[in-house]
PDB file of N, CA and C in Angstrom:
ATOM      1  N   ALA A   1      37.723  46.464  55.911  1.00  0.00           N
ATOM      2  CA  ALA A   1      38.428  47.972  55.952  1.00  0.00           C
ATOM      3  C   ALA A   1      39.045  47.870  57.804  1.00  0.00           C
ATOM      4  N   GLU A   2      38.083  47.141  58.618  1.00  0.00           N
ATOM      5  CA  GLU A   2      38.260  47.208  59.942  1.00  0.00           C
ATOM      6  C   GLU A   2      39.643  46.103  60.168  1.00  0.00           C
ATOM      7  N   LEU A   3      40.041  45.333  59.447  1.00  0.00           N
ATOM      8  CA  LEU A   3      41.076  44.803  59.462  1.00  0.00           C
ATOM      9  C   LEU A   3      42.456  45.377  58.548  1.00  0.00           C
ATOM     10  N   ILE A   4      42.040  46.055  57.611  1.00  0.00           N
ATOM     11  CA  ILE A   4      43.182  46.278  56.790  1.00  0.00           C
ATOM     12  C   ILE A   4      44.058  47.276  57.291  1.00  0.00           C
ATOM     13  N   GLN A   5      42.786  48.624  57.678  1.00  0.00           N
ATOM     14  CA  GLN A   5      43.416  49.767  58.261  1.00  0.00           C
ATOM     15  C   GLN A   5      44.727  49.470  59.294  1.00  0.00           C
ATOM     16  N   PRO A   6      44.301  48.971  60.374  1.00  0.00           N
ATOM     17  CA  PRO A   6      45.086  48.678  61.171  1.00  0.00           C
ATOM     18  C   PRO A   6      46.503  48.101  60.810  1.00  0.00           C
ATOM     19  N   ALA A   7      46.200  47.045  59.890  1.00  0.00           N
ATOM     20  CA  ALA A   7      47.548  45.962  59.478  1.00  0.00           C
ATOM     21  C   ALA A   7      48.353  47.253  58.625  1.00  0.00           C
ATOM     22  N   VAL A   8      47.615  47.727  57.483  1.00  0.00           N
ATOM     23  CA  VAL A   8      48.912  48.667  56.640  1.00  0.00           C
ATOM     24  C   VAL A   8      49.254  49.823  57.916  1.00  0.00           C
ATOM     25  N   GLN A   9      48.667  50.361  58.898  1.00  0.00           N
ATOM     26  CA  GLN A   9      49.170  51.638  59.809  1.00  0.00           C
ATOM     27  C   GLN A   9      49.892  50.663  60.702  1.00  0.00           C
ATOM     28  N   GLY A  10      50.008  49.227  60.923  1.00  0.00           N
ATOM     29  CA  GLY A  10      51.044  48.775  61.769  1.00  0.00           C
ATOM     30  C   GLY A  10      52.375  48.818  60.851  1.00  0.00           C
ATOM     31  N   THR A  11      52.351  48.070  59.604  1.00  0.00           N
ATOM     32  CA  THR A  11      53.312  47.900  59.087  1.00  0.00           C
ATOM     33  C   THR A  11      54.131  49.134  58.365  1.00  0.00           C
ATOM     34  N   LEU A  12      53.567  50.282  58.324  1.00  0.00           N
ATOM     35  CA  LEU A  12      53.905  51.539  58.217  1.00  0.00           C
ATOM     36  C   LEU A  12      54.733  52.146  59.450  1.00  0.00           C
ATOM     37  N   ASN A  13      54.337  52.125  60.717  1.00  0.00           N
ATOM     38  CA  ASN A  13      54.789  52.158  61.628  1.00  0.00           C
ATOM     39  C   ASN A  13      56.032  51.690  61.770  1.00  0.00           C
ATOM     40  N   VAL A  14      56.421  50.076  61.398  1.00  0.00           N
ATOM     41  CA  VAL A  14      57.403  49.384  61.314  1.00  0.00           C
ATOM     42  C   VAL A  14      58.533  49.929  60.624  1.00  0.00           C
ATOM     43  N   LEU A  15      57.764  50.213  59.492  1.00  0.00           N
ATOM     44  CA  LEU A  15      58.935  50.833  58.297  1.00  0.00           C
ATOM     45  C   LEU A  15      59.609  52.082  58.943  1.00  0.00           C
ATOM     46  N   ARG A  16      58.728  53.037  58.838  1.00  0.00           N
ATOM     47  CA  ARG A  16      59.152  54.349  59.611  1.00  0.00           C
ATOM     48  C   ARG A  16      60.459  54.130  60.487  1.00  0.00           C
ATOM     49  N   SER A  17      59.881  52.883  61.679  1.00  0.00           N
ATOM     50  CA  SER A  17      61.169  52.949  63.088  1.00  0.00           C
ATOM     51  C   SER A  17      62.128  52.194  62.113  1.00  0.00           C
ATOM     52  N   CYS A  18      62.009  51.461  61.613  1.00  0.00           N
ATOM     53  CA  CYS A  18      63.143  50.612  60.932  1.00  0.00           C
ATOM     54  C   CYS A  18      64.335  51.658  60.179  1.00  0.00           C
ATOM     55  N   SER A  19      63.607  52.467  59.441  1.00  0.00           N
ATOM     56  CA  SER A  19      64.225  54.038  58.494  1.00  0.00           C
ATOM     57  C   SER A  19      65.126  54.755  59.167  1.00  0.00           C
ATOM     58  N   LYS A  20      64.994  54.376  60.717  1.00  0.00           N
ATOM     59  CA  LYS A  20      65.515  55.443  61.504  1.00  0.00           C
ATOM     60  C   LYS A  20      66.572  54.639  62.466  1.00  0.00           C
ATOM     61  N   VAL A  21      66.798  53.776  62.151  1.00  0.00           N
ATOM     62  CA  VAL A  21      67.791  53.211  62.667  1.00  0.00           C
ATOM     63  C   VAL A  21      68.971  52.349  61.626  1.00  0.00           C
ATOM     64  N   THR A  22      70.058  52.755  61.844  1.00  0.00           N
ATOM     65  CA  THR A  22      70.824  52.529  60.622  1.00  0.00           C
ATOM     66  C   THR A  22      71.503  51.011  60.646  1.00  0.00           C
ATOM     67  N   SER A  23      71.233  50.185  61.486  1.00  0.00           N
ATOM     68  CA  SER A  23      71.608  49.044  61.923  1.00  0.00           C
ATOM     69  C   SER A  23      70.724  48.052  61.224  1.00  0.00           C
ATOM     70  N   VAL A  24      69.520  48.534  60.718  1.00  0.00           N
ATOM     71  CA  VAL A  24      68.406  47.926  60.005  1.00  0.00           C
ATOM     72  C   VAL A  24      68.922  47.725  58.643  1.00  0.00           C
ATOM     73  N   ARG A  25      69.112  46.693  57.859  1.00  0.00           N
ATOM     74  CA  ARG A  25      69.577  46.528  56.602  1.00  0.00           C
ATOM     75  C   ARG A  25      68.285  46.189  55.783  1.00  0.00           C
ATOM     76  N   ARG A  26      67.499  45.115  56.436  1.00  0.00           N
ATOM     77  CA  ARG A  26      66.603  44.331  55.541  1.00  0.00           C
ATOM     78  C   ARG A  26      65.193  44.358  56.337  1.00  0.00           C
ATOM     79  N   VAL A  27      64.298  44.544  55.556  1.00  0.00           N
ATOM     80  CA  VAL A  27      62.877  43.815  56.366  1.00  0.00           C
ATOM     81  C   VAL A  27      62.294  42.853  55.495  1.00  0.00           C
ATOM     82  N   VAL A  28      62.185  41.779  56.234  1.00  0.00           N
ATOM     83  CA  VAL A  28      61.255  40.622  55.258  1.00  0.00           C
ATOM     84  C   VAL A  28      59.891  40.539  56.108  1.00  0.00           C
ATOM     85  N   VAL A  29      58.994  40.760  54.511  1.00  0.00           N
ATOM     86  CA  VAL A  29      57.542  41.148  54.820  1.00  0.00           C
ATOM     87  C   VAL A  29      57.317  39.415  54.558  1.00  0.00           C
ATOM     88  N   THR A  30      56.427  38.651  55.540  1.00  0.00           N
ATOM     89  CA  THR A  30      55.652  37.580  55.669  1.00  0.00           C
ATOM     90  C   THR A  30      54.270  37.192  55.394  1.00  0.00           C
ATOM     91  N   ALA A  31      53.293  36.253  55.234  1.00  0.00           N
ATOM     92  CA  ALA A  31      52.131  36.462  55.353  1.00  0.00           C
ATOM     93  C   ALA A  31      51.905  35.071  55.245  1.00  0.00           C
ATOM     94  N   SER A  32      50.513  34.836  55.542  1.00  0.00           N
ATOM     95  CA  SER A  32      50.081  33.313  55.791  1.00  0.00           C
ATOM     96  C   SER A  32      50.142  32.401  54.656  1.00  0.00           C
ATOM     97  N   ILE A  33      50.532  31.145  54.826  1.00  0.00           N
ATOM     98  CA  ILE A  33      50.591  30.505  53.803  1.00  0.00           C
ATOM     99  C   ILE A  33      48.949  30.115  52.909  1.00  0.00           C
ATOM    100  N   ALA A  34      48.163  31.135  53.404  1.00  0.00           N
ATOM    101  CA  ALA A  34      46.734  30.958  52.716  1.00  0.00           C
ATOM    102  C   ALA A  34      46.729  31.756  51.862  1.00  0.00           C
ATOM    103  N   SER A  35      47.520  32.683  51.621  1.00  0.00           N
ATOM    104  CA  SER A  35      47.733  33.748  50.744  1.00  0.00           C
ATOM    105  C   SER A  35      48.153  33.470  49.301  1.00  0.00           C
ATOM    106  N   VAL A  36      49.102  32.083  49.414  1.00  0.00           N
ATOM    107  CA  VAL A  36      49.636  31.615  48.220  1.00  0.00           C
ATOM    108  C   VAL A  36      48.810  30.235  47.945  1.00  0.00           C
ATOM    109  N   THR A  37      48.126  29.581  48.933  1.00  0.00           N
ATOM    110  CA  THR A  37      47.403  28.181  48.319  1.00  0.00           C
ATOM    111  C   THR A  37      45.993  28.044  48.182  1.00  0.00           C
ATOM    112  N   PHE A  38      45.174  29.253  48.343  1.00  0.00           N
ATOM    113  CA  PHE A  38      43.866  28.988  48.218  1.00  0.00           C
ATOM    114  C   PHE A  38      43.435  29.234  46.909  1.00  0.00           C
ATOM    115  N   ASN A  39      43.597  27.952  46.123  1.00  0.00           N
ATOM    116  CA  ASN A  39      43.515  27.876  44.511  1.00  0.00           C
ATOM    117  C   ASN A  39      43.156  26.607  44.096  1.00  0.00           C
ATOM    118  N   LYS A  40      43.000  26.247  42.511  1.00  0.00           N
ATOM    119  CA  LYS A  40      42.404  25.114  42.396  1.00  0.00           C
ATOM    120  C   LYS A  40      43.502  23.844  42.134  1.00  0.00           C
ATOM    121  N   LYS A  41      44.962  24.292  42.275  1.00  0.00           N
ATOM    122  CA  LYS A  41      46.036  23.847  41.936  1.00  0.00           C
ATOM    123  C   LYS A  41      46.114  22.663  42.786  1.00  0.00           C
ATOM    124  N   THR A  42      46.497  21.646  42.326  1.00  0.00           N
ATOM    125  CA  THR A  42      46.663  20.230  42.907  1.00  0.00           C
ATOM    126  C   THR A  42      47.940  20.242  43.905  1.00  0.00           C
ATOM    127  N   LYS A  43      47.939  19.681  44.898  1.00  0.00           N
ATOM    128  CA  LYS A  43      49.165  19.963  46.248  1.00  0.00           C
ATOM    129  C   LYS A  43      49.429  18.564  46.465  1.00  0.00           C
ATOM    130  N   GLY A  44      50.545  18.330  46.806  1.00  0.00           N
ATOM    131  CA  GLY A  44      51.182  17.086  46.788  1.00  0.00           C
ATOM    132  C   GLY A  44      52.588  17.065  47.462  1.00  0.00           C
ATOM    133  N   PRO A  45      53.279  16.217  48.161  1.00  0.00           N
ATOM    134  CA  PRO A  45      54.251  15.942  48.887  1.00  0.00           C
ATOM    135  C   PRO A  45      55.620  16.530  47.764  1.00  0.00           C
ATOM    136  N   ASP A  46      55.734  16.389  46.634  1.00  0.00           N
ATOM    137  CA  ASP A  46      56.666  16.800  45.725  1.00  0.00           C
ATOM    138  C   ASP A  46      56.485  18.069  45.061  1.00  0.00           C
ATOM    139  N   VAL A  47      55.451  18.881  45.212  1.00  0.00           N
ATOM    140  CA  VAL A  47      54.924  20.121  44.579  1.00  0.00           C
ATOM    141  C   VAL A  47      55.691  21.204  45.249  1.00  0.00           C
ATOM    142  N   VAL A  48      56.283  22.301  44.892  1.00  0.00           N
ATOM    143  CA  VAL A  48      57.033  23.288  45.253  1.00  0.00           C
ATOM    144  C   VAL A  48      56.165  24.413  45.139  1.00  0.00           C
ATOM    145  N   ILE A  49      55.880  24.992  45.967  1.00  0.00           N
ATOM    146  CA  ILE A  49      54.917  26.260  46.239  1.00  0.00           C
ATOM    147  C   ILE A  49      55.578  27.961  45.939  1.00  0.00           C
ATOM    148  N   ASP A  50      55.767  28.532  44.945  1.00  0.00           N
ATOM    149  CA  ASP A  50      56.117  29.423  44.781  1.00  0.00           C
ATOM    150  C   ASP A  50      55.340  30.713  44.496  1.00  0.00           C
ATOM    151  N   GLU A  51      55.476  31.706  44.620  1.00  0.00           N
ATOM    152  CA  GLU A  51      55.105  33.332  43.941  1.00  0.00           C
ATOM    153  C   GLU A  51      54.101  33.118  42.964  1.00  0.00           C
ATOM    154  N   THR A  52      53.865  31.661  42.097  1.00  0.00           N
ATOM    155  CA  THR A  52      53.113  31.523  40.834  1.00  0.00           C
ATOM    156  C   THR A  52      52.191  30.721  41.462  1.00  0.00           C
ATOM    157  N   TRP A  53      51.743  30.600  42.815  1.00  0.00           N
ATOM    158  CA  TRP A  53      50.744  30.088  43.621  1.00  0.00           C
ATOM    159  C   TRP A  53      50.017  30.699  43.930  1.00  0.00           C
ATOM    160  N   PHE A  54      50.004  31.997  44.256  1.00  0.00           N
ATOM    161  CA  PHE A  54      48.924  33.009  44.993  1.00  0.00           C
ATOM    162  C   PHE A  54      47.845  32.692  44.464  1.00  0.00           C
ATOM    163  N   SER A  55      46.690  32.932  45.597  1.00  0.00           N
ATOM    164  CA  SER A  55      45.379  32.533  45.165  1.00  0.00           C
ATOM    165  C   SER A  55      44.711  33.266  44.216  1.00  0.00           C
ATOM    166  N   ASP A  56      43.704  32.728  43.987  1.00  0.00           N
ATOM    167  CA  ASP A  56      43.090  32.916  42.609  1.00  0.00           C
ATOM    168  C   ASP A  56      41.906  33.622  43.355  1.00  0.00           C
ATOM    169  N   PRO A  57      41.821  35.222  42.976  1.00  0.00           N
ATOM    170  CA  PRO A  57      40.968  35.739  43.237  1.00  0.00           C
ATOM    171  C   PRO A  57      39.335  35.364  43.037  1.00  0.00           C
ATOM    172  N   VAL A  58      39.045  34.772  41.940  1.00  0.00           N
ATOM    173  CA  VAL A  58      37.739  34.445  41.286  1.00  0.00           C
ATOM    174  C   VAL A  58      37.418  33.039  42.232  1.00  0.00           C
ATOM    175  N   PHE A  59      38.573  32.204  42.531  1.00  0.00           N
ATOM    176  CA  PHE A  59      38.213  30.904  42.952  1.00  0.00           C
ATOM    177  C   PHE A  59      37.738  31.383  44.535  1.00  0.00           C
ATOM    178  N   CYS A  60      38.547  32.541  45.107  1.00  0.00           N
ATOM    179  CA  CYS A  60      38.209  32.848  46.440  1.00  0.00           C
ATOM    180  C   CYS A  60      36.811  33.257  46.681  1.00  0.00           C
ATOM    181  N   GLU A  61      36.324  34.219  45.836  1.00  0.00           N
ATOM    182  CA  GLU A  61      34.768  34.821  45.308  1.00  0.00           C
ATOM    183  C   GLU A  61      34.175  33.618  45.480  1.00  0.00           C
ATOM    184  N   GLU A  62      34.164  32.594  44.215  1.00  0.00           N
ATOM    185  CA  GLU A  62      33.232  31.495  44.327  1.00  0.00           C
ATOM    186  C   GLU A  62      33.286  30.990  45.882  1.00  0.00           C
ATOM    187  N   SER A  63      33.876  30.553  46.326  1.00  0.00           N
ATOM    188  CA  SER A  63      34.247  29.907  47.557  1.00  0.00           C
ATOM    189  C   SER A  63      33.363  30.369  48.875  1.00  0.00           C
ATOM    190  N   GLN A  64      33.383  31.360  48.766  1.00  0.00           N
ATOM    191  CA  GLN A  64      32.833  32.102  50.185  1.00  0.00           C
ATOM    192  C   GLN A  64      31.383  31.826  50.190  1.00  0.00           C
TER     193      GLN A  64
END
């Protein structure tokens, strides 16, 4: 909670500020690579990592 609340509030502040400026047409939200690669899938140089790779919550719990 001590990490999530400030992150959410900060994101909301940015989005509210952007909504007040007519020149802002798009907001891109990015995240850590850890959010999509902490799972049991095999990784390699020919592997394309996309939205199907989001971290497995069960695997994350088991790995704590």
